[in-house]
Each structure stands twice: as structure tokens, then as C-alpha cells.
Amino acid sequence: MSDLFPVLRVLGVLLCMFALAMGLPLAVSLGHDDGVWQAYPLAMLVALGAGAGLSWGLRRYKRELQPRHGVILVTLVWVLLPLCAALPLWLALQWVNHPVTFTHAYFEAVSGLTTTGSTVLSGVDALPLSVNVWRTFLQWLGGMGILILAVAVLPLLGVGGAQLFKAEAAGPIKDTKLTPRMTETAKGLWGVYAVFSVTCAAAFWAGGMSFMDALMHMFTTVSLGGLSAHDASFAYFNSPLLEGIALVFMLAASCNFALYFIALRKGHWRGFWRDPEMRATMVALIGGGLLVALLLWAKGVYAPLQALRHGMFHVVSVATTTGFATQDYLQWPVFAPVFMLLLSGVATSAGSTGGGIKMVRMLILIKQARRELTRLVHPRAVQPVLLGGHVVDNRMIFSVLAFMLVYGATVIVLSMVLLLTDIDPLTAFSAILASVHCMGPGLGAVGPSSNYAVLTDFQIWVCTLAMLLGRLEILSFMAMLSPAFWKR
């Protein structure tokens, strides 16, 4: 047990840092007098008390985190931080006679921090402004990962951040050193994220949104989260200009932020455009958008320009795991919503703020499949898997294959669990797939014109587990279930 004390100590510091984040909705509540400001100091005191107790009580345990410590810490953070995040939501909604259960409050907090964008709340237009700010701000914090931000300050706490960064980062980026020090890497990634955020908010404001709407929708656009402060989602604005701005920033945020960091740091953009994963991501998103737009026009659903507008916006929104909607796309030809849901699994890059299995893994799988087909014809041929002109190590290929096996098993098992509750197959499968992809709306009863409040508490907990597994990229959590993981 004492081996976990350094992990719990860092967890305490992270809880204290997270408690300070509640200062934003508190300031908004006081500034706009929305009547629920008392909820935030109470929640802050609880989080600060728990965090300070852990960090101070275990202050003697200072040492470098090992790989297994990073996995444990990341898992604990993504399970426990939503508890702190849910508390101000639960308290504030009690004050305005819009009570929610603990299950719903925790689901909403997990959805925010994992940037899933699912919701169980209705009438969000009438919610206190600070509540909507908190819901959307959670997505912004979770977008780049609050733990990567913490890497920048961990050296001040007497622990290194390398293992934490590797546990938190998505895909092959976890083994890529952008700078000699992980602290510089974390600061650089968050610096790019901040530039994107300021630019996006300014663009929304200039495009006609109010200042607070621009702020909240910036939070959920650059994080590819998709929560909105309006029940109608992006349809509330009915603005092709604002949809175009959101489209640009969703496309930008779907790419590896490390590419932006390197391009800005060195002033060379050639590497950005030559990156095979970035090119594949753009082809999938833009090509998929044009395909659906053509389908909508060919089927007579919309005129050509309207088909391009709605088809491109929704494909990019769903495929990047954002989940904004302006139309009920379940009324479109059935190919479109199913295609978009499946695309959400692959159409974002590793190192982006999106969810899913990531495009780089799909490229490796395709190249590995091509190699095996070649071996059937030429058994003795030596044909390494190449990605961007570099040989992909067999260990990475095996890791991708293992991930895909566990990913498929997770989707199937959790879908079958939902089917045990007598839910219809389309809703069950799409709710799990959307949750594992951290995408938000699914199909059937949890489509864009509805929300997850139609599910029972048990079904909501299953979807909550799916969101956490998706955010942890499944293998990190599964590793903790192995007996070998706990052997020193």
C-alpha cells in the first residue's frame, strides 16, 4: 500500500488545482447574479480539503513516478475528478429547483471531462449561466488533458512528469519527445491549445455570438466536446458563417497538436503537410463530408448548397467526435448517420483533442493487412511496415493489434450488457460506440434530437463506464486488472 503513497500525494495536488478551476463559474455567477454562487465555494472547500489532506499527509513520499504509477494516477484522476466536478452541478441545480440525481450529475461531469458531449439535462437554455459555463469549461479542461497541464508543474512538486505524460497522451505521441524535457512539451502543447482557444473565441464573437456564447462554444469546439448552452445545439444560431467558423476549428483540432507545436517552434510547415496521419485525417473528414453532401442532394433531401452546408458540417462534427448538430440527421438516408458514427472512430489524429481509436492506428492496421496479403503470394518477401517513410516497429504493430482486440471486445460486451436491459439494438450499440469514441449523440433513442435522459440509471452507468474506458484508451484500465501489474 505504501507504494501507492506517491501517487495519492500527486492526486491530492491535482485535486487542489482542479478546485481552483471552480473560480471561473464562481466569478460568472457573481458577475451575472444567477443566484447559485454559493454552490462553488462549498464544492471548492470539499475538493481543497480532500486534496490538501492527501498532499500534506503524504508530503514525505517524494519520488519519481514509475510507469505503473502513471497508469494508476491517470485512472484515479479520470474516475475521481468527475466527483468533484459533479458536486457544484448537483448543488447549483438544487438551488434553482432543477434537481438531478447523483447518477445524472456524475454522468454529466464525466461527459464533460472526457469531452464526450452527451447530456442528461433538458431545458439547458434556462439553466443558470454559471452552470453552463462550468459544463463547457470541463470540456476545455479535458480537451488537452488536465494531466498534461499538470506535467508542467510536477517538477515543482518533486516528481517527474514523463510517466504521467506517457500514461495520459494518446497513441504513438506518448513515445515522442518534442523537447528534451516533458515539462517544456506540456507547456508547448498547452500554448498551442491556448492560441487556438483565443482565436476561436474571437472568431465566434466577431461572427455574431454574444461574448458568453462565444466563450462557451469555444470551450466545446477546440476540445471537440460538443456540449452547447442551448437545447437546439448549434441550430440555435442558424448561421452559415458561425457553422463555417466551427468547421474550420473542428478540422484544425482534429490534427495532432504536436505538429502545430513543431511548426511554430521551428518555423517549418513542410513537416505538417507531409504527415501521413494528418493527410489521411483531412481526406476522411473532407471526403466524407462531400460524400454525404452528394448523397443528400442526390436523394432530394436538400438543394445543392444546403446539402453541402449540412452534410459537411455534420460529418466533420460527428467524425471529429464533437457532436454539434443543426439538423436531426436521423431523418436523412440511413447510410449517412451510420457512416458518420463509424467515421467517428478513426477520423481524428493521435495527439488531437478528439476521441476514437485514432487515424494512425487505422493506417498501421491497413499497412499490416497489406503486408500479410503480400506474404500469401511471396512468403519470403521482406516488407517492413512504413509510415511517413519510417519503419514501424513490430512492438507498435502488436500494441495496435492488442488495442483493436480489446476495443472490439469492449464495444461488444458493453452493448450486450445494455441489450440485457431490453433496450433496442440500435440504441444500445450506438450509445456504447458513441460513448467509447467520446462522441456524444448516438442513433435511435439517443440521437441528436434527444439525450441520454431516456436511459435508466443502470444504462447510464454502463455508458459512463464506456466514456471512461474510451478516454483512458481502454488498455490503461485493462492493464490494472492484470495480476502482473501489481507485482513489484
Protein backbone atom coordinates (compact mmCIF):
# COMPACT_ATOMS: atom_id res chain seq x y z
CA MET A 1 0.00 0.00 0.00
CA SER A 2 2.85 2.40 0.79
CA ASP A 3 3.96 2.02 -2.82
CA LEU A 4 0.85 4.00 -3.80
CA PHE A 5 1.50 6.91 -1.43
CA PRO A 6 3.45 8.97 -4.02
CA VAL A 7 0.51 8.52 -6.42
CA LEU A 8 -2.02 9.64 -3.81
CA ARG A 9 0.15 12.63 -2.93
CA VAL A 10 0.19 13.85 -6.54
CA LEU A 11 -3.52 13.11 -6.77
CA GLY A 12 -4.06 15.45 -3.83
CA VAL A 13 -2.18 18.25 -5.60
CA LEU A 14 -4.23 17.72 -8.75
CA LEU A 15 -7.45 17.91 -6.71
CA CYS A 16 -6.30 21.26 -5.29
CA MET A 17 -5.52 22.53 -8.79
CA PHE A 18 -8.91 21.37 -10.04
CA ALA A 19 -10.68 23.07 -7.11
CA LEU A 20 -9.18 26.39 -8.22
CA ALA A 21 -10.77 25.92 -11.65
CA MET A 22 -14.17 26.39 -9.99
CA GLY A 23 -13.22 30.04 -9.59
CA LEU A 24 -14.36 30.69 -13.19
CA PRO A 25 -18.03 29.68 -12.73
CA LEU A 26 -17.99 31.39 -9.32
CA ALA A 27 -16.89 34.66 -10.94
CA VAL A 28 -19.53 34.27 -13.65
CA SER A 29 -22.22 33.55 -11.07
CA LEU A 30 -21.31 36.63 -9.01
CA GLY A 31 -20.93 38.83 -12.07
CA HIS A 32 -24.27 37.84 -13.60
CA ASP A 33 -26.11 37.31 -10.31
CA ASP A 34 -27.59 33.97 -11.39
CA GLY A 35 -28.38 33.02 -7.80
CA VAL A 36 -26.25 29.89 -7.37
CA TRP A 37 -22.87 31.32 -6.40
CA GLN A 38 -22.95 29.52 -3.02
CA ALA A 39 -22.54 26.14 -4.77
CA TYR A 40 -19.00 26.84 -5.92
CA PRO A 41 -17.29 27.82 -2.63
CA LEU A 42 -18.78 24.74 -0.99
CA ALA A 43 -17.55 22.46 -3.77
CA MET A 44 -14.15 24.18 -3.73
CA LEU A 45 -13.80 23.61 0.02
CA VAL A 46 -14.59 19.91 -0.34
CA ALA A 47 -12.09 19.42 -3.19
CA LEU A 48 -9.42 21.55 -1.49
CA GLY A 49 -9.91 19.74 1.80
CA ALA A 50 -9.56 16.31 0.20
CA GLY A 51 -6.62 17.39 -1.94
CA ALA A 52 -4.78 19.20 0.84
CA GLY A 53 -5.32 16.28 3.19
CA LEU A 54 -3.73 13.85 0.74
CA SER A 55 -0.85 16.08 -0.36
CA TRP A 56 0.05 17.29 3.15
CA GLY A 57 -0.44 13.95 4.87
CA LEU A 58 1.78 12.19 2.34
CA ARG A 59 4.27 15.02 1.81
CA ARG A 60 7.21 12.79 2.78
CA TYR A 61 6.66 10.48 -0.18
CA LYS A 62 8.52 12.26 -2.96
CA ARG A 63 9.98 10.17 -5.72
CA GLU A 64 9.86 9.76 -9.49
CA LEU A 65 6.69 8.12 -10.76
CA GLN A 66 7.18 4.73 -12.37
CA PRO A 67 5.19 3.63 -15.47
CA ARG A 68 2.67 1.72 -13.36
CA HIS A 69 2.24 4.78 -11.12
CA GLY A 70 1.35 6.88 -14.16
CA VAL A 71 -1.34 4.40 -15.19
CA ILE A 72 -2.80 4.27 -11.67
CA LEU A 73 -2.77 8.06 -11.30
CA VAL A 74 -4.41 8.70 -14.67
CA THR A 75 -7.15 6.16 -13.90
CA LEU A 76 -7.78 7.60 -10.43
CA VAL A 77 -7.92 11.15 -11.79
CA TRP A 78 -10.45 10.37 -14.50
CA VAL A 79 -12.64 8.48 -12.02
CA LEU A 80 -12.36 10.88 -9.06
CA LEU A 81 -12.19 14.32 -10.71
CA PRO A 82 -15.75 13.94 -12.05
CA LEU A 83 -16.89 13.50 -8.43
CA CYS A 84 -15.54 16.97 -7.66
CA ALA A 85 -16.90 18.33 -10.94
CA ALA A 86 -20.36 16.88 -10.27
CA LEU A 87 -20.69 18.49 -6.84
CA PRO A 88 -21.19 22.13 -7.97
CA LEU A 89 -23.57 20.92 -10.70
CA TRP A 90 -25.63 18.99 -8.17
CA LEU A 91 -25.69 21.84 -5.62
CA ALA A 92 -26.45 24.59 -8.14
CA LEU A 93 -29.32 22.70 -9.74
CA GLN A 94 -30.89 22.06 -6.32
CA TRP A 95 -30.97 25.82 -5.72
CA VAL A 96 -32.91 26.52 -8.93
CA ASN A 97 -35.41 23.70 -8.42
CA HIS A 98 -33.91 21.66 -11.25
CA PRO A 99 -32.77 18.73 -9.09
CA VAL A 100 -30.71 15.90 -10.58
CA THR A 101 -29.69 12.58 -9.10
CA PHE A 102 -26.09 11.71 -8.27
CA THR A 103 -26.08 9.36 -11.27
CA HIS A 104 -27.06 12.16 -13.64
CA ALA A 105 -24.64 14.66 -12.10
CA TYR A 106 -21.71 12.22 -12.31
CA PHE A 107 -22.60 11.27 -15.90
CA GLU A 108 -22.69 14.95 -16.88
CA ALA A 109 -19.30 15.56 -15.25
CA VAL A 110 -17.71 12.51 -16.88
CA SER A 111 -19.19 13.55 -20.22
CA GLY A 112 -17.62 16.98 -19.78
CA LEU A 113 -14.13 15.96 -18.70
CA THR A 114 -13.88 13.16 -21.27
CA THR A 115 -15.09 15.64 -23.96
CA THR A 116 -17.88 13.25 -24.90
CA GLY A 117 -20.65 15.83 -25.02
CA SER A 118 -23.52 13.55 -24.00
CA THR A 119 -26.04 15.10 -21.66
CA VAL A 120 -28.95 14.08 -19.47
CA LEU A 121 -30.12 17.67 -18.92
CA SER A 122 -33.01 19.31 -20.73
CA GLY A 123 -34.00 22.96 -20.71
CA VAL A 124 -30.35 24.00 -20.63
CA ASP A 125 -31.22 27.44 -22.05
CA ALA A 126 -32.93 28.19 -18.75
CA LEU A 127 -30.09 26.93 -16.54
CA PRO A 128 -28.02 29.45 -14.57
CA LEU A 129 -25.29 30.86 -16.79
CA SER A 130 -22.53 29.71 -14.44
CA VAL A 131 -23.77 26.10 -14.68
CA ASN A 132 -23.47 26.16 -18.46
CA VAL A 133 -20.06 27.80 -18.20
CA TRP A 134 -18.92 25.03 -15.83
CA ARG A 135 -20.28 22.27 -18.09
CA THR A 136 -18.47 23.65 -21.14
CA PHE A 137 -15.31 24.62 -19.22
CA LEU A 138 -14.97 21.00 -18.09
CA GLN A 139 -14.69 20.02 -21.74
CA TRP A 140 -11.98 22.59 -22.35
CA LEU A 141 -10.00 21.25 -19.38
CA GLY A 142 -10.41 17.68 -20.55
CA GLY A 143 -9.63 18.50 -24.18
CA MET A 144 -5.87 18.57 -23.96
CA GLY A 145 -5.99 16.67 -20.71
CA ILE A 146 -5.68 18.34 -17.35
CA LEU A 147 -2.89 15.90 -16.57
CA ILE A 148 -0.71 17.18 -19.41
CA LEU A 149 -1.11 20.63 -17.87
CA ALA A 150 -0.05 19.16 -14.56
CA VAL A 151 3.15 17.83 -16.13
CA ALA A 152 4.28 21.45 -16.42
CA VAL A 153 4.18 21.89 -12.64
CA LEU A 154 5.07 18.41 -11.39
CA PRO A 155 8.81 19.17 -11.20
CA LEU A 156 7.94 21.83 -8.63
CA LEU A 157 6.32 19.09 -6.56
CA GLY A 158 9.36 16.86 -6.52
CA VAL A 159 8.16 14.33 -9.09
CA GLY A 160 8.92 14.00 -12.77
CA GLY A 161 6.21 14.17 -15.37
CA ALA A 162 7.47 11.73 -18.00
CA GLN A 163 5.47 8.71 -16.86
CA LEU A 164 2.35 10.77 -16.33
CA PHE A 165 2.65 12.24 -19.81
CA LYS A 166 3.07 8.79 -21.35
CA ALA A 167 0.06 7.45 -19.48
CA GLU A 168 -2.15 10.37 -20.47
CA ALA A 169 -1.09 11.05 -24.08
CA ALA A 170 -3.00 9.29 -26.83
CA GLY A 171 -1.47 6.95 -29.39
CA PRO A 172 2.18 6.93 -30.53
CA ILE A 173 2.71 10.53 -29.30
CA LYS A 174 3.30 9.03 -25.86
CA ASP A 175 6.74 7.84 -27.04
CA THR A 176 7.64 11.01 -28.93
CA LYS A 177 9.87 13.62 -27.33
CA LEU A 178 9.11 17.03 -28.81
CA THR A 179 11.57 18.73 -26.47
CA PRO A 180 14.32 17.43 -24.17
CA ARG A 181 12.06 17.94 -21.15
CA MET A 182 8.47 16.75 -20.76
CA THR A 183 7.67 19.97 -18.91
CA GLU A 184 8.54 22.00 -21.99
CA THR A 185 6.47 19.63 -24.12
CA ALA A 186 3.40 20.05 -21.90
CA LYS A 187 3.77 23.82 -21.87
CA GLY A 188 4.19 23.86 -25.63
CA LEU A 189 1.07 21.77 -26.28
CA TRP A 190 -0.98 23.87 -23.90
CA GLY A 191 0.42 27.01 -25.51
CA VAL A 192 -0.86 25.89 -28.91
CA TYR A 193 -4.18 24.95 -27.30
CA ALA A 194 -4.44 28.42 -25.74
CA VAL A 195 -3.72 30.15 -29.06
CA PHE A 196 -6.41 28.06 -30.75
CA SER A 197 -8.82 28.88 -27.93
CA VAL A 198 -8.34 32.65 -28.03
CA THR A 199 -8.56 32.72 -31.83
CA CYS A 200 -11.70 30.57 -31.89
CA ALA A 201 -13.48 32.66 -29.23
CA ALA A 202 -12.62 35.87 -31.08
CA ALA A 203 -13.88 34.41 -34.36
CA PHE A 204 -17.21 33.32 -32.82
CA TRP A 205 -17.64 36.74 -31.20
CA ALA A 206 -16.87 38.55 -34.45
CA GLY A 207 -19.26 36.17 -36.25
CA GLY A 208 -22.23 37.32 -34.18
CA MET A 209 -22.27 35.30 -30.95
CA SER A 210 -22.60 37.06 -27.61
CA PHE A 211 -19.40 37.14 -25.57
CA MET A 212 -20.53 34.35 -23.23
CA ASP A 213 -21.82 32.18 -26.07
CA ALA A 214 -18.52 32.67 -27.88
CA LEU A 215 -16.62 31.66 -24.76
CA MET A 216 -18.70 28.57 -24.06
CA HIS A 217 -18.76 27.34 -27.65
CA MET A 218 -15.03 27.94 -27.93
CA PHE A 219 -14.59 25.65 -24.92
CA THR A 220 -16.50 22.88 -26.68
CA THR A 221 -15.17 23.42 -30.21
CA VAL A 222 -11.40 23.35 -29.68
CA SER A 223 -11.84 20.45 -27.24
CA LEU A 224 -14.01 18.60 -29.80
CA GLY A 225 -16.51 18.14 -26.98
CA GLY A 226 -19.73 19.47 -28.47
CA LEU A 227 -21.76 20.43 -25.39
CA SER A 228 -23.85 23.52 -26.01
CA ALA A 229 -25.53 26.05 -23.76
CA HIS A 230 -28.68 25.64 -25.87
CA ASP A 231 -31.08 22.72 -26.27
CA ALA A 232 -31.04 23.27 -30.04
CA SER A 233 -27.23 22.93 -30.10
CA PHE A 234 -25.67 24.86 -32.99
CA ALA A 235 -29.06 25.19 -34.70
CA TYR A 236 -29.81 27.91 -32.13
CA PHE A 237 -27.69 30.35 -34.14
CA ASN A 238 -28.91 29.36 -37.64
CA SER A 239 -25.81 30.99 -39.13
CA PRO A 240 -23.79 29.56 -42.04
CA LEU A 241 -20.93 31.88 -41.01
CA LEU A 242 -20.74 30.51 -37.46
CA GLU A 243 -21.04 26.95 -38.76
CA GLY A 244 -18.15 27.67 -41.12
CA ILE A 245 -16.01 29.02 -38.27
CA ALA A 246 -16.80 25.95 -36.15
CA LEU A 247 -16.00 23.72 -39.13
CA VAL A 248 -12.53 25.26 -39.55
CA PHE A 249 -11.64 24.90 -35.88
CA MET A 250 -13.01 21.35 -35.64
CA LEU A 251 -10.84 20.37 -38.61
CA ALA A 252 -7.82 22.08 -37.04
CA ALA A 253 -8.36 20.46 -33.62
CA SER A 254 -8.66 17.01 -35.19
CA CYS A 255 -4.96 17.12 -36.13
CA ASN A 256 -2.01 16.30 -33.89
CA PHE A 257 -1.24 19.37 -31.78
CA ALA A 258 2.40 18.30 -31.73
CA LEU A 259 2.59 19.16 -35.44
CA TYR A 260 1.50 22.73 -34.72
CA PHE A 261 3.98 22.95 -31.87
CA ILE A 262 6.88 21.79 -34.04
CA ALA A 263 5.85 24.03 -36.96
CA LEU A 264 5.57 27.10 -34.74
CA ARG A 265 8.75 26.32 -32.82
CA LYS A 266 10.93 25.71 -35.88
CA GLY A 267 9.05 27.80 -38.43
CA HIS A 268 8.84 24.85 -40.84
CA TRP A 269 5.38 23.83 -42.04
CA ARG A 270 6.56 21.23 -44.55
CA GLY A 271 6.55 18.51 -41.93
CA PHE A 272 2.96 19.41 -41.10
CA TRP A 273 1.68 18.87 -44.62
CA ARG A 274 3.81 15.76 -45.17
CA ASP A 275 2.49 13.97 -42.09
CA PRO A 276 0.61 10.88 -43.36
CA GLU A 277 -1.82 10.81 -40.45
CA MET A 278 -2.79 14.45 -40.93
CA ARG A 279 -3.36 13.92 -44.66
CA ALA A 280 -5.45 10.81 -44.03
CA THR A 281 -7.49 12.65 -41.40
CA MET A 282 -8.26 15.52 -43.75
CA VAL A 283 -9.14 13.14 -46.61
CA ALA A 284 -11.50 11.19 -44.35
CA LEU A 285 -13.24 14.30 -42.99
CA ILE A 286 -13.49 16.39 -46.15
CA GLY A 287 -14.06 13.41 -48.43
CA GLY A 288 -16.71 12.03 -46.08
CA GLY A 289 -18.42 15.42 -45.93
CA LEU A 290 -18.54 15.68 -49.72
CA LEU A 291 -19.86 12.12 -50.00
CA VAL A 292 -22.73 12.76 -47.58
CA ALA A 293 -23.47 16.12 -49.21
CA LEU A 294 -23.69 14.38 -52.59
CA LEU A 295 -26.00 11.74 -51.12
CA LEU A 296 -28.32 14.38 -49.59
CA TRP A 297 -28.50 16.20 -52.93
CA ALA A 298 -28.99 13.01 -54.97
CA LYS A 299 -31.79 11.82 -52.67
CA GLY A 300 -33.53 15.21 -52.89
CA VAL A 301 -33.20 15.98 -49.19
CA TYR A 302 -31.65 19.42 -49.81
CA ALA A 303 -30.75 21.71 -52.67
CA PRO A 304 -27.02 21.56 -53.64
CA LEU A 305 -25.74 24.40 -51.44
CA GLN A 306 -27.83 23.32 -48.45
CA ALA A 307 -26.68 19.73 -48.92
CA LEU A 308 -23.05 20.89 -48.89
CA ARG A 309 -23.63 23.06 -45.82
CA HIS A 310 -25.40 20.47 -43.70
CA GLY A 311 -23.54 17.41 -44.99
CA MET A 312 -20.07 18.86 -44.46
CA PHE A 313 -20.87 20.38 -41.06
CA HIS A 314 -22.40 17.23 -39.61
CA VAL A 315 -19.81 14.81 -40.97
CA VAL A 316 -16.97 16.89 -39.56
CA SER A 317 -18.84 17.44 -36.28
CA VAL A 318 -19.67 13.77 -35.72
CA ALA A 319 -16.50 12.28 -37.20
CA THR A 320 -14.24 14.52 -35.07
CA THR A 321 -16.24 13.33 -32.02
CA THR A 322 -17.56 16.87 -31.40
CA GLY A 323 -21.27 16.20 -31.76
CA PHE A 324 -22.71 19.63 -32.64
CA ALA A 325 -25.93 19.37 -34.65
CA THR A 326 -28.09 21.75 -36.65
CA GLN A 327 -30.39 19.11 -38.16
CA ASP A 328 -31.89 15.83 -37.00
CA TYR A 329 -29.70 13.70 -39.24
CA LEU A 330 -31.57 10.54 -38.21
CA GLN A 331 -34.17 11.70 -40.75
CA TRP A 332 -31.58 11.52 -43.54
CA PRO A 333 -30.99 8.37 -45.65
CA VAL A 334 -29.84 5.69 -43.22
CA PHE A 335 -26.38 5.46 -44.77
CA ALA A 336 -25.46 8.98 -43.59
CA PRO A 337 -25.87 8.67 -39.79
CA VAL A 338 -24.37 5.18 -39.68
CA PHE A 339 -21.42 6.27 -41.83
CA MET A 340 -20.79 9.30 -39.61
CA LEU A 341 -20.93 7.22 -36.42
CA LEU A 342 -18.43 4.71 -37.78
CA LEU A 343 -16.18 7.50 -39.05
CA SER A 344 -16.03 8.94 -35.53
CA GLY A 345 -13.83 6.02 -34.56
CA VAL A 346 -10.96 6.83 -36.91
CA ALA A 347 -11.15 10.42 -38.16
CA THR A 348 -9.02 12.17 -35.54
CA SER A 349 -5.26 12.11 -35.10
CA ALA A 350 -3.26 10.92 -32.13
CA GLY A 351 -2.33 13.99 -30.11
CA SER A 352 -5.55 15.79 -31.02
CA THR A 353 -8.41 16.56 -28.64
CA GLY A 354 -10.66 14.00 -30.33
CA GLY A 355 -11.61 10.50 -29.27
CA GLY A 356 -11.85 7.19 -31.08
CA ILE A 357 -9.10 4.74 -31.98
CA LYS A 358 -7.14 7.45 -33.89
CA MET A 359 -6.21 7.55 -37.57
CA VAL A 360 -2.61 6.43 -37.04
CA ARG A 361 -3.76 3.09 -35.67
CA MET A 362 -6.02 2.57 -38.67
CA LEU A 363 -3.14 3.37 -41.05
CA ILE A 364 -0.91 0.84 -39.28
CA LEU A 365 -3.64 -1.80 -39.45
CA ILE A 366 -4.18 -1.22 -43.16
CA LYS A 367 -0.45 -1.43 -43.90
CA GLN A 368 -0.10 -4.55 -41.77
CA ALA A 369 -3.04 -6.17 -43.62
CA ARG A 370 -1.40 -5.27 -46.94
CA ARG A 371 1.86 -6.85 -45.76
CA GLU A 372 0.11 -10.09 -44.79
CA LEU A 373 -1.63 -10.25 -48.18
CA THR A 374 1.75 -9.84 -49.89
CA ARG A 375 3.18 -12.64 -47.77
CA LEU A 376 0.48 -15.01 -49.06
CA VAL A 377 1.87 -14.56 -52.56
CA HIS A 378 5.55 -14.06 -51.65
CA PRO A 379 6.17 -15.88 -48.33
CA ARG A 380 9.86 -14.97 -48.21
CA ALA A 381 9.48 -11.31 -49.10
CA VAL A 382 10.84 -8.81 -46.59
CA GLN A 383 8.36 -5.96 -46.49
CA PRO A 384 8.51 -3.72 -43.42
CA VAL A 385 5.53 -1.56 -42.50
CA LEU A 386 6.35 2.04 -43.40
CA LEU A 387 4.61 5.13 -42.12
CA GLY A 388 5.81 8.53 -43.27
CA GLY A 389 8.94 6.96 -44.69
CA HIS A 390 9.88 5.38 -41.36
CA VAL A 391 9.75 1.71 -40.41
CA VAL A 392 7.07 0.96 -37.82
CA ASP A 393 8.47 -1.15 -35.03
CA ASN A 394 6.82 -4.56 -34.65
CA ARG A 395 6.15 -3.79 -30.98
CA MET A 396 3.96 -0.88 -32.05
CA ILE A 397 2.11 -3.10 -34.52
CA PHE A 398 1.47 -5.69 -31.82
CA SER A 399 0.30 -2.92 -29.49
CA VAL A 400 -2.16 -1.68 -32.11
CA LEU A 401 -3.46 -5.20 -32.72
CA ALA A 402 -3.94 -5.72 -28.98
CA PHE A 403 -5.71 -2.39 -28.66
CA MET A 404 -8.10 -3.22 -31.50
CA LEU A 405 -8.90 -6.60 -29.97
CA VAL A 406 -9.68 -5.07 -26.59
CA TYR A 407 -11.57 -2.19 -28.24
CA GLY A 408 -13.81 -4.57 -30.19
CA ALA A 409 -14.42 -6.75 -27.14
CA THR A 410 -15.30 -3.69 -25.04
CA VAL A 411 -17.88 -2.43 -27.54
CA ILE A 412 -19.45 -5.88 -27.92
CA VAL A 413 -19.57 -6.72 -24.20
CA LEU A 414 -20.99 -3.36 -23.11
CA SER A 415 -23.53 -3.41 -25.96
CA MET A 416 -24.66 -6.86 -24.85
CA VAL A 417 -24.97 -5.60 -21.27
CA LEU A 418 -27.31 -2.85 -22.48
CA LEU A 419 -29.29 -5.40 -24.51
CA LEU A 420 -29.88 -7.33 -21.29
CA THR A 421 -31.93 -4.32 -20.14
CA ASP A 422 -34.33 -4.78 -23.10
CA ILE A 423 -33.21 -1.64 -24.92
CA ASP A 424 -33.46 -1.73 -28.72
CA PRO A 425 -30.31 -2.92 -30.52
CA LEU A 426 -29.73 0.31 -32.49
CA THR A 427 -29.79 2.47 -29.37
CA ALA A 428 -27.67 0.01 -27.38
CA PHE A 429 -24.92 -0.35 -29.97
CA SER A 430 -24.79 3.32 -30.95
CA ALA A 431 -24.85 4.56 -27.33
CA ILE A 432 -21.85 2.39 -26.46
CA LEU A 433 -19.97 3.21 -29.66
CA ALA A 434 -20.60 6.94 -29.20
CA SER A 435 -19.50 6.73 -25.56
CA VAL A 436 -16.32 4.75 -26.25
CA HIS A 437 -15.48 7.18 -29.06
CA CYS A 438 -16.26 10.10 -26.69
CA MET A 439 -18.53 11.41 -29.43
CA GLY A 440 -21.85 12.20 -27.71
CA PRO A 441 -25.11 11.66 -29.60
CA GLY A 442 -25.77 8.21 -30.99
CA LEU A 443 -28.63 6.76 -33.00
CA GLY A 444 -32.11 5.64 -32.06
CA ALA A 445 -33.38 6.95 -28.72
CA VAL A 446 -30.10 8.79 -28.00
CA GLY A 447 -29.94 10.63 -31.33
CA PRO A 448 -29.31 14.36 -31.87
CA SER A 449 -32.92 15.33 -31.16
CA SER A 450 -32.92 13.55 -27.79
CA ASN A 451 -30.41 12.91 -25.00
CA TYR A 452 -29.32 10.22 -22.57
CA ALA A 453 -32.01 11.07 -20.01
CA VAL A 454 -34.22 8.47 -21.73
CA LEU A 455 -31.97 5.75 -20.32
CA THR A 456 -32.36 4.12 -16.91
CA ASP A 457 -29.79 4.71 -14.16
CA PHE A 458 -28.15 1.34 -14.83
CA GLN A 459 -27.91 2.07 -18.55
CA ILE A 460 -26.40 5.47 -17.77
CA TRP A 461 -23.74 3.87 -15.56
CA VAL A 462 -22.83 1.48 -18.38
CA CYS A 463 -22.42 4.44 -20.75
CA THR A 464 -20.40 6.26 -18.07
CA LEU A 465 -18.03 3.30 -17.87
CA ALA A 466 -17.78 3.29 -21.67
CA MET A 467 -16.82 7.00 -21.68
CA LEU A 468 -14.11 6.44 -19.07
CA LEU A 469 -12.72 3.44 -20.94
CA GLY A 470 -12.67 5.44 -24.17
CA ARG A 471 -10.86 8.36 -22.55
CA LEU A 472 -8.34 6.02 -20.92
CA GLU A 473 -7.89 4.26 -24.28
CA ILE A 474 -9.07 1.01 -22.67
CA LEU A 475 -5.65 -0.67 -22.36
CA SER A 476 -4.57 1.56 -19.46
CA PHE A 477 -7.57 0.47 -17.43
CA MET A 478 -7.36 -3.16 -18.51
CA ALA A 479 -3.68 -3.27 -17.50
CA MET A 480 -4.70 -2.56 -13.90
CA LEU A 481 -6.83 -5.72 -13.90
CA SER A 482 -3.79 -7.89 -14.61
CA PRO A 483 -2.17 -9.58 -11.57
CA ALA A 484 1.26 -8.87 -13.08
CA PHE A 485 0.55 -5.15 -12.89
CA TRP A 486 0.51 -5.22 -9.09
CA LYS A 487 3.73 -7.21 -8.69
CA ARG A 488 6.70 -5.02 -7.78
